[in-house]
Amino acid sequence: MGELGGIADRYNMVVAFRTSLASFAAIHEALRRVHCPWFGVDFDPAAAVGDAWPVDEIFSRWAGRSGMCVGATRSRGADRRTAQP
Protein backbone atom coordinates (compact mmCIF):
# COMPACT_ATOMS: atom_id res chain seq x y z
CA MET A 1 0.00 0.00 0.00
CA GLY A 2 2.87 2.34 0.77
CA GLU A 3 4.41 1.80 -2.68
CA LEU A 4 1.04 2.43 -4.34
CA GLY A 5 0.73 5.65 -2.33
CA GLY A 6 4.19 6.70 -3.52
CA ILE A 7 3.20 6.17 -7.16
CA ALA A 8 -0.03 8.12 -6.63
CA ASP A 9 1.98 10.96 -5.06
CA ARG A 10 4.48 10.99 -7.91
CA TYR A 11 1.71 11.37 -10.51
CA ASN A 12 -0.67 13.50 -8.37
CA MET A 13 -3.40 10.92 -8.85
CA VAL A 14 -6.08 9.77 -6.39
CA VAL A 15 -6.47 6.02 -5.97
CA ALA A 16 -10.04 5.14 -4.96
CA PHE A 17 -10.97 1.97 -3.09
CA ARG A 18 -14.42 0.56 -3.83
CA THR A 19 -16.57 0.14 -0.76
CA SER A 20 -18.45 -2.75 -2.36
CA LEU A 21 -15.32 -4.98 -2.34
CA ALA A 22 -14.66 -5.07 1.43
CA SER A 23 -16.29 -3.97 4.67
CA PHE A 24 -16.03 -0.33 5.67
CA ALA A 25 -14.06 -1.38 8.76
CA ALA A 26 -11.47 -3.24 6.63
CA ILE A 27 -10.99 -0.33 4.22
CA HIS A 28 -10.83 2.15 7.10
CA GLU A 29 -8.11 0.11 8.84
CA ALA A 30 -6.05 -0.24 5.65
CA LEU A 31 -6.19 3.49 4.93
CA ARG A 32 -5.49 4.38 8.57
CA ARG A 33 -2.26 2.38 8.54
CA VAL A 34 -0.90 4.02 5.39
CA HIS A 35 -1.89 7.70 5.95
CA CYS A 36 -1.70 8.59 2.25
CA PRO A 37 -3.59 11.74 1.18
CA TRP A 38 -3.88 10.32 -2.35
CA PHE A 39 -6.11 7.43 -1.26
CA GLY A 40 -9.84 7.97 -1.51
CA VAL A 41 -13.07 6.02 -1.49
CA ASP A 42 -15.48 5.15 -4.30
CA PHE A 43 -18.57 5.17 -2.09
CA ASP A 44 -21.36 2.72 -2.95
CA PRO A 45 -24.54 3.44 -0.93
CA ALA A 46 -25.78 -0.10 -1.61
CA ALA A 47 -22.71 -1.42 0.22
CA ALA A 48 -23.56 0.81 3.19
CA VAL A 49 -26.97 -0.84 3.49
CA GLY A 50 -25.39 -4.25 3.88
CA ASP A 51 -22.42 -3.29 6.08
CA ALA A 52 -22.07 -4.06 9.79
CA TRP A 53 -21.38 -0.40 10.63
CA PRO A 54 -24.42 1.87 11.08
CA VAL A 55 -24.91 4.39 8.28
CA ASP A 56 -24.22 7.41 10.52
CA GLU A 57 -20.81 5.97 11.50
CA ILE A 58 -19.97 5.31 7.86
CA PHE A 59 -20.75 8.90 6.89
CA SER A 60 -18.90 10.40 9.85
CA ARG A 61 -15.72 8.43 9.05
CA TRP A 62 -15.85 8.64 5.24
CA ALA A 63 -17.21 12.11 4.51
CA GLY A 64 -13.77 13.59 3.82
CA ARG A 65 -12.45 10.63 1.82
CA SER A 66 -15.29 10.02 -0.58
CA GLY A 67 -14.42 11.27 -4.03
CA MET A 68 -17.17 9.56 -5.96
CA CYS A 69 -20.59 8.19 -5.19
CA VAL A 70 -22.45 5.75 -7.42
CA GLY A 71 -26.14 5.46 -6.71
CA ALA A 72 -28.24 2.34 -6.98
CA THR A 73 -31.65 1.49 -5.63
CA ARG A 74 -31.31 -1.20 -2.97
CA SER A 75 -32.92 -2.23 0.29
CA ARG A 76 -31.68 -4.37 3.14
CA GLY A 77 -32.39 -8.04 2.73
CA ALA A 78 -31.59 -11.03 4.94
CA ASP A 79 -28.11 -11.49 6.45
CA ARG A 80 -26.95 -7.94 5.58
CA ARG A 81 -27.36 -8.63 1.89
CA THR A 82 -28.89 -6.08 -0.40
CA ALA A 83 -31.96 -6.68 -2.50
CA GLN A 84 -33.46 -4.80 -5.40
CA PRO A 85 -36.88 -3.38 -4.56
PDB file of N, CA and C in Angstrom:
ATOM      1  N   MET A   1       0.824  -1.186   0.000  1.00  0.00           N
ATOM      2  CA  MET A   1       0.000   0.000   0.000  1.00  0.00           C
ATOM      3  C   MET A   1       0.872   1.256   0.000  1.00  0.00           C
ATOM      4  N   GLY A   2       1.972   1.191   0.729  1.00  0.00           N
ATOM      5  CA  GLY A   2       2.865   2.342   0.766  1.00  0.00           C
ATOM      6  C   GLY A   2       3.465   2.648  -0.593  1.00  0.00           C
ATOM      7  N   GLU A   3       3.851   1.606  -1.333  1.00  0.00           N
ATOM      8  CA  GLU A   3       4.407   1.805  -2.678  1.00  0.00           C
ATOM      9  C   GLU A   3       3.356   2.376  -3.624  1.00  0.00           C
ATOM     10  N   LEU A   4       2.132   1.900  -3.506  1.00  0.00           N
ATOM     11  CA  LEU A   4       1.044   2.428  -4.335  1.00  0.00           C
ATOM     12  C   LEU A   4       0.797   3.902  -4.010  1.00  0.00           C
ATOM     13  N   GLY A   5       0.868   4.250  -2.730  1.00  0.00           N
ATOM     14  CA  GLY A   5       0.734   5.650  -2.332  1.00  0.00           C
ATOM     15  C   GLY A   5       1.845   6.516  -2.887  1.00  0.00           C
ATOM     16  N   GLY A   6       3.065   5.972  -2.936  1.00  0.00           N
ATOM     17  CA  GLY A   6       4.190   6.698  -3.519  1.00  0.00           C
ATOM     18  C   GLY A   6       3.999   6.967  -5.002  1.00  0.00           C
ATOM     19  N   ILE A   7       3.478   5.987  -5.722  1.00  0.00           N
ATOM     20  CA  ILE A   7       3.198   6.168  -7.158  1.00  0.00           C
ATOM     21  C   ILE A   7       2.105   7.212  -7.349  1.00  0.00           C
ATOM     22  N   ALA A   8       1.052   7.137  -6.537  1.00  0.00           N
ATOM     23  CA  ALA A   8      -0.033   8.117  -6.627  1.00  0.00           C
ATOM     24  C   ALA A   8       0.482   9.518  -6.349  1.00  0.00           C
ATOM     25  N   ASP A   9       1.384   9.652  -5.386  1.00  0.00           N
ATOM     26  CA  ASP A   9       1.977  10.955  -5.063  1.00  0.00           C
ATOM     27  C   ASP A   9       2.827  11.468  -6.208  1.00  0.00           C
ATOM     28  N   ARG A  10       3.594  10.591  -6.806  1.00  0.00           N
ATOM     29  CA  ARG A  10       4.476  10.990  -7.915  1.00  0.00           C
ATOM     30  C   ARG A  10       3.668  11.541  -9.090  1.00  0.00           C
ATOM     31  N   TYR A  11       2.511  10.946  -9.362  1.00  0.00           N
ATOM     32  CA  TYR A  11       1.707  11.366 -10.514  1.00  0.00           C
ATOM     33  C   TYR A  11       0.529  12.273 -10.135  1.00  0.00           C
ATOM     34  N   ASN A  12       0.443  12.658  -8.845  1.00  0.00           N
ATOM     35  CA  ASN A  12      -0.667  13.498  -8.369  1.00  0.00           C
ATOM     36  C   ASN A  12      -2.022  12.908  -8.760  1.00  0.00           C
ATOM     37  N   MET A  13      -2.201  11.640  -8.443  1.00  0.00           N
ATOM     38  CA  MET A  13      -3.405  10.923  -8.850  1.00  0.00           C
ATOM     39  C   MET A  13      -4.047  10.259  -7.631  1.00  0.00           C
ATOM     40  N   VAL A  14      -5.352  10.402  -7.490  1.00  0.00           N
ATOM     41  CA  VAL A  14      -6.083   9.768  -6.392  1.00  0.00           C
ATOM     42  C   VAL A  14      -6.385   8.320  -6.756  1.00  0.00           C
ATOM     43  N   VAL A  15      -6.133   7.427  -5.814  1.00  0.00           N
ATOM     44  CA  VAL A  15      -6.469   6.015  -5.969  1.00  0.00           C
ATOM     45  C   VAL A  15      -7.685   5.765  -5.087  1.00  0.00           C
ATOM     46  N   ALA A  16      -8.789   5.335  -5.692  1.00  0.00           N
ATOM     47  CA  ALA A  16     -10.036   5.135  -4.955  1.00  0.00           C
ATOM     48  C   ALA A  16     -10.275   3.653  -4.708  1.00  0.00           C
ATOM     49  N   PHE A  17     -10.630   3.340  -3.482  1.00  0.00           N
ATOM     50  CA  PHE A  17     -10.965   1.974  -3.093  1.00  0.00           C
ATOM     51  C   PHE A  17     -12.482   1.825  -3.101  1.00  0.00           C
ATOM     52  N   ARG A  18     -12.977   0.774  -3.734  1.00  0.00           N
ATOM     53  CA  ARG A  18     -14.418   0.557  -3.830  1.00  0.00           C
ATOM     54  C   ARG A  18     -14.956  -0.021  -2.538  1.00  0.00           C
ATOM     55  N   THR A  19     -15.988   0.593  -2.018  1.00  0.00           N
ATOM     56  CA  THR A  19     -16.568   0.140  -0.757  1.00  0.00           C
ATOM     57  C   THR A  19     -17.401  -1.121  -0.923  1.00  0.00           C
ATOM     58  N   SER A  20     -17.674  -1.521  -2.146  1.00  0.00           N
ATOM     59  CA  SER A  20     -18.449  -2.747  -2.356  1.00  0.00           C
ATOM     60  C   SER A  20     -17.557  -3.992  -2.330  1.00  0.00           C
ATOM     61  N   LEU A  21     -16.234  -3.835  -2.283  1.00  0.00           N
ATOM     62  CA  LEU A  21     -15.318  -4.978  -2.338  1.00  0.00           C
ATOM     63  C   LEU A  21     -14.885  -5.478  -0.959  1.00  0.00           C
ATOM     64  N   ALA A  22     -15.042  -4.672   0.073  1.00  0.00           N
ATOM     65  CA  ALA A  22     -14.665  -5.067   1.432  1.00  0.00           C
ATOM     66  C   ALA A  22     -15.538  -4.298   2.417  1.00  0.00           C
ATOM     67  N   SER A  23     -15.501  -4.691   3.668  1.00  0.00           N
ATOM     68  CA  SER A  23     -16.293  -3.975   4.667  1.00  0.00           C
ATOM     69  C   SER A  23     -15.694  -2.580   4.889  1.00  0.00           C
ATOM     70  N   PHE A  24     -16.512  -1.675   5.393  1.00  0.00           N
ATOM     71  CA  PHE A  24     -16.033  -0.327   5.673  1.00  0.00           C
ATOM     72  C   PHE A  24     -14.951  -0.361   6.752  1.00  0.00           C
ATOM     73  N   ALA A  25     -15.069  -1.260   7.702  1.00  0.00           N
ATOM     74  CA  ALA A  25     -14.057  -1.379   8.756  1.00  0.00           C
ATOM     75  C   ALA A  25     -12.714  -1.815   8.175  1.00  0.00           C
ATOM     76  N   ALA A  26     -12.717  -2.752   7.242  1.00  0.00           N
ATOM     77  CA  ALA A  26     -11.472  -3.237   6.634  1.00  0.00           C
ATOM     78  C   ALA A  26     -10.794  -2.145   5.813  1.00  0.00           C
ATOM     79  N   ILE A  27     -11.564  -1.410   5.026  1.00  0.00           N
ATOM     80  CA  ILE A  27     -10.989  -0.329   4.223  1.00  0.00           C
ATOM     81  C   ILE A  27     -10.479   0.792   5.131  1.00  0.00           C
ATOM     82  N   HIS A  28     -11.239   1.110   6.161  1.00  0.00           N
ATOM     83  CA  HIS A  28     -10.828   2.151   7.103  1.00  0.00           C
ATOM     84  C   HIS A  28      -9.493   1.783   7.761  1.00  0.00           C
ATOM     85  N   GLU A  29      -9.343   0.541   8.183  1.00  0.00           N
ATOM     86  CA  GLU A  29      -8.107   0.106   8.836  1.00  0.00           C
ATOM     87  C   GLU A  29      -6.928   0.152   7.870  1.00  0.00           C
ATOM     88  N   ALA A  30      -7.128  -0.276   6.639  1.00  0.00           N
ATOM     89  CA  ALA A  30      -6.046  -0.243   5.646  1.00  0.00           C
ATOM     90  C   ALA A  30      -5.592   1.188   5.369  1.00  0.00           C
ATOM     91  N   LEU A  31      -6.535   2.092   5.205  1.00  0.00           N
ATOM     92  CA  LEU A  31      -6.192   3.486   4.932  1.00  0.00           C
ATOM     93  C   LEU A  31      -5.590   4.178   6.156  1.00  0.00           C
ATOM     94  N   ARG A  32      -6.024   3.796   7.342  1.00  0.00           N
ATOM     95  CA  ARG A  32      -5.493   4.380   8.572  1.00  0.00           C
ATOM     96  C   ARG A  32      -4.015   4.021   8.741  1.00  0.00           C
ATOM     97  N   ARG A  33      -3.651   2.817   8.378  1.00  0.00           N
ATOM     98  CA  ARG A  33      -2.264   2.377   8.539  1.00  0.00           C
ATOM     99  C   ARG A  33      -1.303   3.077   7.577  1.00  0.00           C
ATOM    100  N   VAL A  34      -1.780   3.455   6.408  1.00  0.00           N
ATOM    101  CA  VAL A  34      -0.898   4.022   5.390  1.00  0.00           C
ATOM    102  C   VAL A  34      -0.801   5.541   5.492  1.00  0.00           C
ATOM    103  N   HIS A  35      -1.861   6.232   5.839  1.00  0.00           N
ATOM    104  CA  HIS A  35      -1.885   7.701   5.947  1.00  0.00           C
ATOM    105  C   HIS A  35      -1.467   8.384   4.642  1.00  0.00           C
ATOM    106  N   CYS A  36      -2.033   7.989   3.544  1.00  0.00           N
ATOM    107  CA  CYS A  36      -1.700   8.595   2.254  1.00  0.00           C
ATOM    108  C   CYS A  36      -2.831   9.527   1.823  1.00  0.00           C
ATOM    109  N   PRO A  37      -2.529  10.814   1.587  1.00  0.00           N
ATOM    110  CA  PRO A  37      -3.585  11.745   1.178  1.00  0.00           C
ATOM    111  C   PRO A  37      -4.117  11.469  -0.227  1.00  0.00           C
ATOM    112  N   TRP A  38      -3.456  10.625  -0.993  1.00  0.00           N
ATOM    113  CA  TRP A  38      -3.884  10.318  -2.350  1.00  0.00           C
ATOM    114  C   TRP A  38      -4.826   9.127  -2.422  1.00  0.00           C
ATOM    115  N   PHE A  39      -5.155   8.532  -1.285  1.00  0.00           N
ATOM    116  CA  PHE A  39      -6.107   7.428  -1.256  1.00  0.00           C
ATOM    117  C   PHE A  39      -7.487   7.974  -0.939  1.00  0.00           C
ATOM    118  N   GLY A  40      -8.461   7.553  -1.716  1.00  0.00           N
ATOM    119  CA  GLY A  40      -9.836   7.965  -1.507  1.00  0.00           C
ATOM    120  C   GLY A  40     -10.767   6.765  -1.540  1.00  0.00           C
ATOM    121  N   VAL A  41     -12.053   7.055  -1.548  1.00  0.00           N
ATOM    122  CA  VAL A  41     -13.070   6.018  -1.492  1.00  0.00           C
ATOM    123  C   VAL A  41     -14.091   6.231  -2.595  1.00  0.00           C
ATOM    124  N   ASP A  42     -14.387   5.178  -3.328  1.00  0.00           N
ATOM    125  CA  ASP A  42     -15.477   5.154  -4.298  1.00  0.00           C
ATOM    126  C   ASP A  42     -16.684   4.614  -3.538  1.00  0.00           C
ATOM    127  N   PHE A  43     -17.494   5.526  -3.012  1.00  0.00           N
ATOM    128  CA  PHE A  43     -18.575   5.175  -2.088  1.00  0.00           C
ATOM    129  C   PHE A  43     -19.766   4.581  -2.823  1.00  0.00           C
ATOM    130  N   ASP A  44     -20.192   3.398  -2.403  1.00  0.00           N
ATOM    131  CA  ASP A  44     -21.362   2.720  -2.950  1.00  0.00           C
ATOM    132  C   ASP A  44     -22.430   2.656  -1.859  1.00  0.00           C
ATOM    133  N   PRO A  45     -23.503   3.446  -1.968  1.00  0.00           N
ATOM    134  CA  PRO A  45     -24.540   3.437  -0.935  1.00  0.00           C
ATOM    135  C   PRO A  45     -25.167   2.060  -0.725  1.00  0.00           C
ATOM    136  N   ALA A  46     -25.223   1.245  -1.765  1.00  0.00           N
ATOM    137  CA  ALA A  46     -25.782  -0.102  -1.606  1.00  0.00           C
ATOM    138  C   ALA A  46     -24.906  -0.935  -0.680  1.00  0.00           C
ATOM    139  N   ALA A  47     -23.603  -0.710  -0.692  1.00  0.00           N
ATOM    140  CA  ALA A  47     -22.711  -1.424   0.221  1.00  0.00           C
ATOM    141  C   ALA A  47     -22.937  -0.970   1.656  1.00  0.00           C
ATOM    142  N   ALA A  48     -23.299   0.300   1.844  1.00  0.00           N
ATOM    143  CA  ALA A  48     -23.563   0.813   3.187  1.00  0.00           C
ATOM    144  C   ALA A  48     -24.787   0.141   3.803  1.00  0.00           C
ATOM    145  N   VAL A  49     -25.764  -0.185   2.987  1.00  0.00           N
ATOM    146  CA  VAL A  49     -26.973  -0.840   3.490  1.00  0.00           C
ATOM    147  C   VAL A  49     -26.642  -2.211   4.067  1.00  0.00           C
ATOM    148  N   GLY A  50     -25.705  -2.904   3.443  1.00  0.00           N
ATOM    149  CA  GLY A  50     -25.386  -4.253   3.879  1.00  0.00           C
ATOM    150  C   GLY A  50     -24.210  -4.367   4.828  1.00  0.00           C
ATOM    151  N   ASP A  51     -23.607  -3.239   5.237  1.00  0.00           N
ATOM    152  CA  ASP A  51     -22.421  -3.289   6.085  1.00  0.00           C
ATOM    153  C   ASP A  51     -22.792  -3.415   7.557  1.00  0.00           C
ATOM    154  N   ALA A  52     -21.846  -3.907   8.350  1.00  0.00           N
ATOM    155  CA  ALA A  52     -22.068  -4.065   9.792  1.00  0.00           C
ATOM    156  C   ALA A  52     -22.090  -2.724  10.527  1.00  0.00           C
ATOM    157  N   TRP A  53     -21.374  -1.713  10.004  1.00  0.00           N
ATOM    158  CA  TRP A  53     -21.383  -0.397  10.630  1.00  0.00           C
ATOM    159  C   TRP A  53     -22.717   0.298  10.362  1.00  0.00           C
ATOM    160  N   PRO A  54     -23.224   1.062  11.335  1.00  0.00           N
ATOM    161  CA  PRO A  54     -24.419   1.874  11.075  1.00  0.00           C
ATOM    162  C   PRO A  54     -24.106   2.973  10.058  1.00  0.00           C
ATOM    163  N   VAL A  55     -25.097   3.410   9.339  1.00  0.00           N
ATOM    164  CA  VAL A  55     -24.907   4.394   8.275  1.00  0.00           C
ATOM    165  C   VAL A  55     -24.326   5.703   8.812  1.00  0.00           C
ATOM    166  N   ASP A  56     -24.760   6.152   9.994  1.00  0.00           N
ATOM    167  CA  ASP A  56     -24.216   7.414  10.520  1.00  0.00           C
ATOM    168  C   ASP A  56     -22.720   7.299  10.837  1.00  0.00           C
ATOM    169  N   GLU A  57     -22.250   6.145  11.266  1.00  0.00           N
ATOM    170  CA  GLU A  57     -20.814   5.968  11.504  1.00  0.00           C
ATOM    171  C   GLU A  57     -20.043   5.962  10.186  1.00  0.00           C
ATOM    172  N   ILE A  58     -20.612   5.330   9.173  1.00  0.00           N
ATOM    173  CA  ILE A  58     -19.973   5.307   7.856  1.00  0.00           C
ATOM    174  C   ILE A  58     -19.790   6.728   7.338  1.00  0.00           C
ATOM    175  N   PHE A  59     -20.843   7.531   7.393  1.00  0.00           N
ATOM    176  CA  PHE A  59     -20.747   8.899   6.890  1.00  0.00           C
ATOM    177  C   PHE A  59     -19.799   9.749   7.721  1.00  0.00           C
ATOM    178  N   SER A  60     -19.787   9.581   9.021  1.00  0.00           N
ATOM    179  CA  SER A  60     -18.900  10.403   9.849  1.00  0.00           C
ATOM    180  C   SER A  60     -17.435  10.061   9.599  1.00  0.00           C
ATOM    181  N   ARG A  61     -17.116   8.819   9.299  1.00  0.00           N
ATOM    182  CA  ARG A  61     -15.724   8.428   9.049  1.00  0.00           C
ATOM    183  C   ARG A  61     -15.289   8.653   7.601  1.00  0.00           C
ATOM    184  N   TRP A  62     -16.220   8.608   6.654  1.00  0.00           N
ATOM    185  CA  TRP A  62     -15.848   8.643   5.240  1.00  0.00           C
ATOM    186  C   TRP A  62     -16.167   9.947   4.528  1.00  0.00           C
ATOM    187  N   ALA A  63     -16.779  10.887   5.190  1.00  0.00           N
ATOM    188  CA  ALA A  63     -17.206  12.113   4.511  1.00  0.00           C
ATOM    189  C   ALA A  63     -16.053  12.826   3.810  1.00  0.00           C
ATOM    190  N   GLY A  64     -14.893  12.878   4.413  1.00  0.00           N
ATOM    191  CA  GLY A  64     -13.766  13.586   3.822  1.00  0.00           C
ATOM    192  C   GLY A  64     -12.991  12.784   2.791  1.00  0.00           C
ATOM    193  N   ARG A  65     -13.208  11.494   2.724  1.00  0.00           N
ATOM    194  CA  ARG A  65     -12.447  10.634   1.818  1.00  0.00           C
ATOM    195  C   ARG A  65     -13.214  10.248   0.559  1.00  0.00           C
ATOM    196  N   SER A  66     -14.500  10.465   0.557  1.00  0.00           N
ATOM    197  CA  SER A  66     -15.295  10.018  -0.584  1.00  0.00           C
ATOM    198  C   SER A  66     -15.131  10.977  -1.751  1.00  0.00           C
ATOM    199  N   GLY A  67     -14.617  10.451  -2.853  1.00  0.00           N
ATOM    200  CA  GLY A  67     -14.422  11.275  -4.030  1.00  0.00           C
ATOM    201  C   GLY A  67     -15.473  11.028  -5.088  1.00  0.00           C
ATOM    202  N   MET A  68     -16.189   9.935  -4.949  1.00  0.00           N
ATOM    203  CA  MET A  68     -17.168   9.563  -5.960  1.00  0.00           C
ATOM    204  C   MET A  68     -18.258   8.737  -5.293  1.00  0.00           C
ATOM    205  N   CYS A  69     -19.472   8.944  -5.735  1.00  0.00           N
ATOM    206  CA  CYS A  69     -20.587   8.189  -5.190  1.00  0.00           C
ATOM    207  C   CYS A  69     -21.425   7.670  -6.353  1.00  0.00           C
ATOM    208  N   VAL A  70     -21.654   6.378  -6.372  1.00  0.00           N
ATOM    209  CA  VAL A  70     -22.453   5.753  -7.423  1.00  0.00           C
ATOM    210  C   VAL A  70     -23.748   5.290  -6.803  1.00  0.00           C
ATOM    211  N   GLY A  71     -24.846   5.793  -7.288  1.00  0.00           N
ATOM    212  CA  GLY A  71     -26.137   5.457  -6.709  1.00  0.00           C
ATOM    213  C   GLY A  71     -26.783   4.250  -7.348  1.00  0.00           C
ATOM    214  N   ALA A  72     -27.467   3.486  -6.522  1.00  0.00           N
ATOM    215  CA  ALA A  72     -28.240   2.338  -6.975  1.00  0.00           C
ATOM    216  C   ALA A  72     -29.387   2.143  -5.998  1.00  0.00           C
ATOM    217  N   THR A  73     -30.495   1.703  -6.480  1.00  0.00           N
ATOM    218  CA  THR A  73     -31.646   1.488  -5.625  1.00  0.00           C
ATOM    219  C   THR A  73     -31.552   0.100  -5.010  1.00  0.00           C
ATOM    220  N   ARG A  74     -31.415   0.061  -3.695  1.00  0.00           N
ATOM    221  CA  ARG A  74     -31.315  -1.202  -2.969  1.00  0.00           C
ATOM    222  C   ARG A  74     -32.028  -1.068  -1.634  1.00  0.00           C
ATOM    223  N   SER A  75     -32.380  -2.191  -1.063  1.00  0.00           N
ATOM    224  CA  SER A  75     -32.918  -2.233   0.287  1.00  0.00           C
ATOM    225  C   SER A  75     -32.246  -3.373   1.033  1.00  0.00           C
ATOM    226  N   ARG A  76     -32.340  -3.342   2.341  1.00  0.00           N
ATOM    227  CA  ARG A  76     -31.677  -4.367   3.138  1.00  0.00           C
ATOM    228  C   ARG A  76     -32.483  -5.655   3.087  1.00  0.00           C
ATOM    229  N   GLY A  77     -31.786  -6.728   2.752  1.00  0.00           N
ATOM    230  CA  GLY A  77     -32.394  -8.040   2.728  1.00  0.00           C
ATOM    231  C   GLY A  77     -31.931  -8.850   3.928  1.00  0.00           C
ATOM    232  N   ALA A  78     -31.993 -10.151   3.849  1.00  0.00           N
ATOM    233  CA  ALA A  78     -31.587 -11.033   4.937  1.00  0.00           C
ATOM    234  C   ALA A  78     -30.064 -11.112   5.023  1.00  0.00           C
ATOM    235  N   ASP A  79     -29.542 -11.295   6.208  1.00  0.00           N
ATOM    236  CA  ASP A  79     -28.113 -11.489   6.454  1.00  0.00           C
ATOM    237  C   ASP A  79     -27.250 -10.367   5.906  1.00  0.00           C
ATOM    238  N   ARG A  80     -27.686  -9.117   6.055  1.00  0.00           N
ATOM    239  CA  ARG A  80     -26.949  -7.935   5.581  1.00  0.00           C
ATOM    240  C   ARG A  80     -26.696  -7.941   4.078  1.00  0.00           C
ATOM    241  N   ARG A  81     -27.478  -8.649   3.351  1.00  0.00           N
ATOM    242  CA  ARG A  81     -27.364  -8.630   1.889  1.00  0.00           C
ATOM    243  C   ARG A  81     -28.321  -7.581   1.359  1.00  0.00           C
ATOM    244  N   THR A  82     -28.003  -7.057   0.203  1.00  0.00           N
ATOM    245  CA  THR A  82     -28.888  -6.077  -0.402  1.00  0.00           C
ATOM    246  C   THR A  82     -29.815  -6.754  -1.391  1.00  0.00           C
ATOM    247  N   ALA A  83     -30.964  -6.133  -1.585  1.00  0.00           N
ATOM    248  CA  ALA A  83     -31.959  -6.679  -2.502  1.00  0.00           C
ATOM    249  C   ALA A  83     -32.520  -5.544  -3.325  1.00  0.00           C
ATOM    250  N   GLN A  84     -32.818  -5.810  -4.568  1.00  0.00           N
ATOM    251  CA  GLN A  84     -33.456  -4.795  -5.398  1.00  0.00           C
ATOM    252  C   GLN A  84     -34.920  -4.738  -5.028  1.00  0.00           C
ATOM    253  N   PRO A  85     -35.458  -3.506  -4.931  1.00  0.00           N
ATOM    254  CA  PRO A  85     -36.882  -3.382  -4.556  1.00  0.00           C
ATOM    255  C   PRO A  85     -37.813  -3.853  -5.640  1.00  0.00           C
TER     256      PRO A  85
END
